[in-house]
Amino acid sequence: MKHKIKIYPAIDLKNGKCVRLYKGDMDKSTIFNDNPAAQAKIFQDKGFEFLHVVDLDGAIAGNAVNQDSVEKILKNVSMPVQL
């Protein structure tokens, strides 16, 4: 049986930047791109069909924190975005 695999690139947002946490520690992060909308466009231009976005600050606060970055991402790509 042949399986079709879909890869969903992810953008984790912290302080309006694309980051990766070290072992889930909010105080230990690496910035991969300070422009999330540009990063989303890179993923789209590479042929990805979907994007997964996590508002890390929002997850801690219990409400949307990086809404501005999310809105810029949505304006910059035409692919579906899961938040």
N, C-alpha and C. Protein backbone atom coordinates (compact mmCIF):
# COMPACT_ATOMS: atom_id res chain seq x y z
N MET A 1 0.84 -1.18 0.00
CA MET A 1 0.00 0.00 0.00
C MET A 1 0.89 1.25 0.00
N LYS A 2 0.60 2.16 -0.89
CA LYS A 2 1.39 3.38 -1.01
C LYS A 2 0.77 4.48 -0.15
N HIS A 3 1.60 5.13 0.64
CA HIS A 3 1.12 6.21 1.50
C HIS A 3 1.59 7.56 0.95
N LYS A 4 0.70 8.51 0.99
CA LYS A 4 1.08 9.87 0.63
C LYS A 4 1.38 10.62 1.92
N ILE A 5 2.57 11.15 2.00
CA ILE A 5 2.98 11.86 3.20
C ILE A 5 2.95 13.35 2.93
N LYS A 6 2.34 14.09 3.85
CA LYS A 6 2.33 15.55 3.78
C LYS A 6 3.18 16.08 4.93
N ILE A 7 4.08 16.96 4.60
CA ILE A 7 4.92 17.60 5.61
C ILE A 7 4.38 19.00 5.85
N TYR A 8 4.15 19.31 7.11
CA TYR A 8 3.66 20.63 7.51
C TYR A 8 4.80 21.38 8.17
N PRO A 9 5.38 22.34 7.47
CA PRO A 9 6.41 23.13 8.15
C PRO A 9 5.76 23.95 9.26
N ALA A 10 6.54 24.26 10.27
CA ALA A 10 5.99 24.97 11.42
C ALA A 10 6.78 26.24 11.71
N ILE A 11 6.05 27.24 12.14
CA ILE A 11 6.65 28.47 12.64
C ILE A 11 6.18 28.63 14.08
N ASP A 12 7.14 28.61 15.00
CA ASP A 12 6.86 28.86 16.40
C ASP A 12 7.17 30.33 16.66
N LEU A 13 6.18 31.09 17.14
CA LEU A 13 6.34 32.52 17.35
C LEU A 13 6.61 32.84 18.82
N LYS A 14 7.64 33.63 19.04
CA LYS A 14 7.95 34.15 20.36
C LYS A 14 8.47 35.57 20.17
N ASN A 15 7.81 36.52 20.83
CA ASN A 15 8.18 37.92 20.69
C ASN A 15 8.21 38.37 19.23
N GLY A 16 7.27 37.83 18.43
CA GLY A 16 7.16 38.24 17.03
C GLY A 16 8.21 37.67 16.10
N LYS A 17 8.96 36.67 16.58
CA LYS A 17 10.03 36.07 15.77
C LYS A 17 9.85 34.56 15.65
N CYS A 18 10.43 33.97 14.62
CA CYS A 18 10.42 32.52 14.43
C CYS A 18 11.51 31.93 15.31
N VAL A 19 11.13 31.05 16.22
CA VAL A 19 12.10 30.49 17.16
C VAL A 19 11.96 28.98 17.26
N ARG A 20 12.95 28.39 17.87
CA ARG A 20 12.88 26.99 18.30
C ARG A 20 13.34 26.99 19.74
N LEU A 21 12.53 26.42 20.61
CA LEU A 21 12.88 26.35 22.02
C LEU A 21 13.86 25.22 22.27
N TYR A 22 14.71 25.40 23.25
CA TYR A 22 15.62 24.34 23.68
C TYR A 22 14.93 23.55 24.77
N LYS A 23 14.60 22.30 24.46
CA LYS A 23 13.93 21.40 25.40
C LYS A 23 12.67 22.01 26.00
N GLY A 24 11.95 22.80 25.20
CA GLY A 24 10.69 23.38 25.65
C GLY A 24 10.82 24.54 26.62
N ASP A 25 12.03 25.01 26.83
CA ASP A 25 12.28 26.09 27.79
C ASP A 25 12.06 27.45 27.12
N MET A 26 11.05 28.19 27.57
CA MET A 26 10.74 29.50 26.98
C MET A 26 11.88 30.50 27.16
N ASP A 27 12.75 30.26 28.11
CA ASP A 27 13.88 31.17 28.34
C ASP A 27 15.10 30.82 27.49
N LYS A 28 15.02 29.70 26.78
CA LYS A 28 16.15 29.26 25.95
C LYS A 28 15.65 29.00 24.53
N SER A 29 15.77 30.01 23.68
CA SER A 29 15.29 29.86 22.32
C SER A 29 16.33 30.35 21.33
N THR A 30 16.27 29.79 20.14
CA THR A 30 17.11 30.21 19.03
C THR A 30 16.22 30.89 18.01
N ILE A 31 16.58 32.09 17.59
CA ILE A 31 15.82 32.80 16.55
C ILE A 31 16.29 32.30 15.20
N PHE A 32 15.34 31.83 14.38
CA PHE A 32 15.66 31.37 13.04
C PHE A 32 15.34 32.41 11.98
N ASN A 33 14.39 33.27 12.26
CA ASN A 33 14.06 34.35 11.33
C ASN A 33 13.30 35.39 12.14
N ASP A 34 13.67 36.65 11.98
CA ASP A 34 12.96 37.69 12.72
C ASP A 34 11.78 38.24 11.94
N ASN A 35 11.48 37.63 10.79
CA ASN A 35 10.36 38.04 9.96
C ASN A 35 9.49 36.81 9.63
N PRO A 36 8.50 36.50 10.48
CA PRO A 36 7.68 35.31 10.26
C PRO A 36 6.95 35.29 8.91
N ALA A 37 6.50 36.44 8.43
CA ALA A 37 5.80 36.48 7.14
C ALA A 37 6.75 36.09 6.01
N ALA A 38 7.99 36.55 6.08
CA ALA A 38 8.98 36.17 5.07
C ALA A 38 9.28 34.68 5.14
N GLN A 39 9.37 34.14 6.37
CA GLN A 39 9.62 32.70 6.52
C GLN A 39 8.47 31.88 5.95
N ALA A 40 7.25 32.33 6.20
CA ALA A 40 6.09 31.63 5.65
C ALA A 40 6.16 31.62 4.12
N LYS A 41 6.53 32.73 3.53
CA LYS A 41 6.64 32.82 2.06
C LYS A 41 7.73 31.89 1.55
N ILE A 42 8.83 31.78 2.28
CA ILE A 42 9.89 30.83 1.90
C ILE A 42 9.33 29.42 1.84
N PHE A 43 8.58 29.03 2.88
CA PHE A 43 7.99 27.68 2.88
C PHE A 43 7.06 27.50 1.69
N GLN A 44 6.23 28.49 1.42
CA GLN A 44 5.30 28.39 0.29
C GLN A 44 6.07 28.29 -1.03
N ASP A 45 7.09 29.11 -1.20
CA ASP A 45 7.88 29.10 -2.43
C ASP A 45 8.63 27.78 -2.62
N LYS A 46 8.90 27.07 -1.52
CA LYS A 46 9.56 25.76 -1.59
C LYS A 46 8.58 24.65 -1.96
N GLY A 47 7.29 24.99 -2.08
CA GLY A 47 6.30 24.02 -2.52
C GLY A 47 5.44 23.41 -1.44
N PHE A 48 5.61 23.85 -0.20
CA PHE A 48 4.75 23.33 0.85
C PHE A 48 3.33 23.82 0.65
N GLU A 49 2.35 22.98 0.98
CA GLU A 49 0.95 23.29 0.73
C GLU A 49 0.22 23.82 1.96
N PHE A 50 0.77 23.60 3.13
CA PHE A 50 0.14 23.99 4.39
C PHE A 50 1.21 24.55 5.32
N LEU A 51 0.78 25.30 6.32
CA LEU A 51 1.69 25.84 7.32
C LEU A 51 1.07 25.71 8.69
N HIS A 52 1.87 25.34 9.66
CA HIS A 52 1.45 25.22 11.05
C HIS A 52 2.14 26.33 11.84
N VAL A 53 1.37 27.12 12.58
CA VAL A 53 1.92 28.24 13.35
C VAL A 53 1.53 28.07 14.82
N VAL A 54 2.50 28.29 15.71
CA VAL A 54 2.26 28.20 17.15
C VAL A 54 2.62 29.55 17.77
N ASP A 55 1.69 30.13 18.48
CA ASP A 55 1.94 31.35 19.25
C ASP A 55 2.39 30.91 20.64
N LEU A 56 3.70 30.76 20.81
CA LEU A 56 4.22 30.27 22.08
C LEU A 56 3.87 31.21 23.24
N ASP A 57 4.01 32.52 23.00
CA ASP A 57 3.66 33.48 24.04
C ASP A 57 2.18 33.37 24.39
N GLY A 58 1.36 33.18 23.38
CA GLY A 58 -0.08 33.04 23.58
C GLY A 58 -0.44 31.79 24.35
N ALA A 59 0.31 30.72 24.10
CA ALA A 59 0.06 29.47 24.83
C ALA A 59 0.29 29.67 26.33
N ILE A 60 1.29 30.46 26.67
CA ILE A 60 1.59 30.73 28.08
C ILE A 60 0.57 31.71 28.67
N ALA A 61 0.24 32.75 27.90
CA ALA A 61 -0.67 33.81 28.38
C ALA A 61 -2.13 33.38 28.39
N GLY A 62 -2.48 32.41 27.54
CA GLY A 62 -3.87 31.98 27.46
C GLY A 62 -4.71 32.79 26.49
N ASN A 63 -4.06 33.65 25.73
CA ASN A 63 -4.75 34.43 24.69
C ASN A 63 -3.72 34.83 23.62
N ALA A 64 -4.22 35.24 22.45
CA ALA A 64 -3.34 35.59 21.34
C ALA A 64 -2.40 36.72 21.74
N VAL A 65 -1.10 36.52 21.50
CA VAL A 65 -0.10 37.53 21.80
C VAL A 65 0.59 37.99 20.52
N ASN A 66 0.84 37.06 19.62
CA ASN A 66 1.54 37.37 18.37
C ASN A 66 0.58 37.56 17.20
N GLN A 67 -0.56 38.15 17.49
CA GLN A 67 -1.60 38.32 16.48
C GLN A 67 -1.10 39.13 15.28
N ASP A 68 -0.29 40.15 15.51
CA ASP A 68 0.23 40.97 14.42
C ASP A 68 1.07 40.12 13.46
N SER A 69 1.92 39.28 14.01
CA SER A 69 2.75 38.39 13.17
C SER A 69 1.88 37.40 12.41
N VAL A 70 0.87 36.86 13.06
CA VAL A 70 -0.03 35.91 12.40
C VAL A 70 -0.76 36.59 11.25
N GLU A 71 -1.25 37.79 11.47
CA GLU A 71 -1.95 38.52 10.41
C GLU A 71 -1.03 38.80 9.22
N LYS A 72 0.22 39.13 9.48
CA LYS A 72 1.19 39.37 8.40
C LYS A 72 1.46 38.08 7.63
N ILE A 73 1.55 36.97 8.35
CA ILE A 73 1.73 35.67 7.68
C ILE A 73 0.55 35.41 6.74
N LEU A 74 -0.67 35.58 7.25
CA LEU A 74 -1.87 35.31 6.46
C LEU A 74 -1.94 36.19 5.22
N LYS A 75 -1.47 37.41 5.31
CA LYS A 75 -1.47 38.32 4.15
C LYS A 75 -0.38 37.98 3.15
N ASN A 76 0.66 37.28 3.58
CA ASN A 76 1.82 37.03 2.75
C ASN A 76 1.80 35.70 2.01
N VAL A 77 0.89 34.79 2.40
CA VAL A 77 0.82 33.48 1.73
C VAL A 77 -0.62 33.16 1.34
N SER A 78 -0.74 32.26 0.39
CA SER A 78 -2.08 31.83 -0.04
C SER A 78 -2.42 30.42 0.44
N MET A 79 -1.47 29.74 1.06
CA MET A 79 -1.73 28.38 1.53
C MET A 79 -2.50 28.40 2.84
N PRO A 80 -3.22 27.32 3.16
CA PRO A 80 -3.91 27.24 4.44
C PRO A 80 -2.91 27.27 5.61
N VAL A 81 -3.31 27.97 6.67
CA VAL A 81 -2.46 28.11 7.86
C VAL A 81 -3.25 27.58 9.06
N GLN A 82 -2.62 26.66 9.78
CA GLN A 82 -3.22 26.12 11.00
C GLN A 82 -2.57 26.83 12.17
N LEU A 83 -3.40 27.35 13.09
CA LEU A 83 -2.86 28.06 14.25
C LEU A 83 -3.26 27.32 15.50
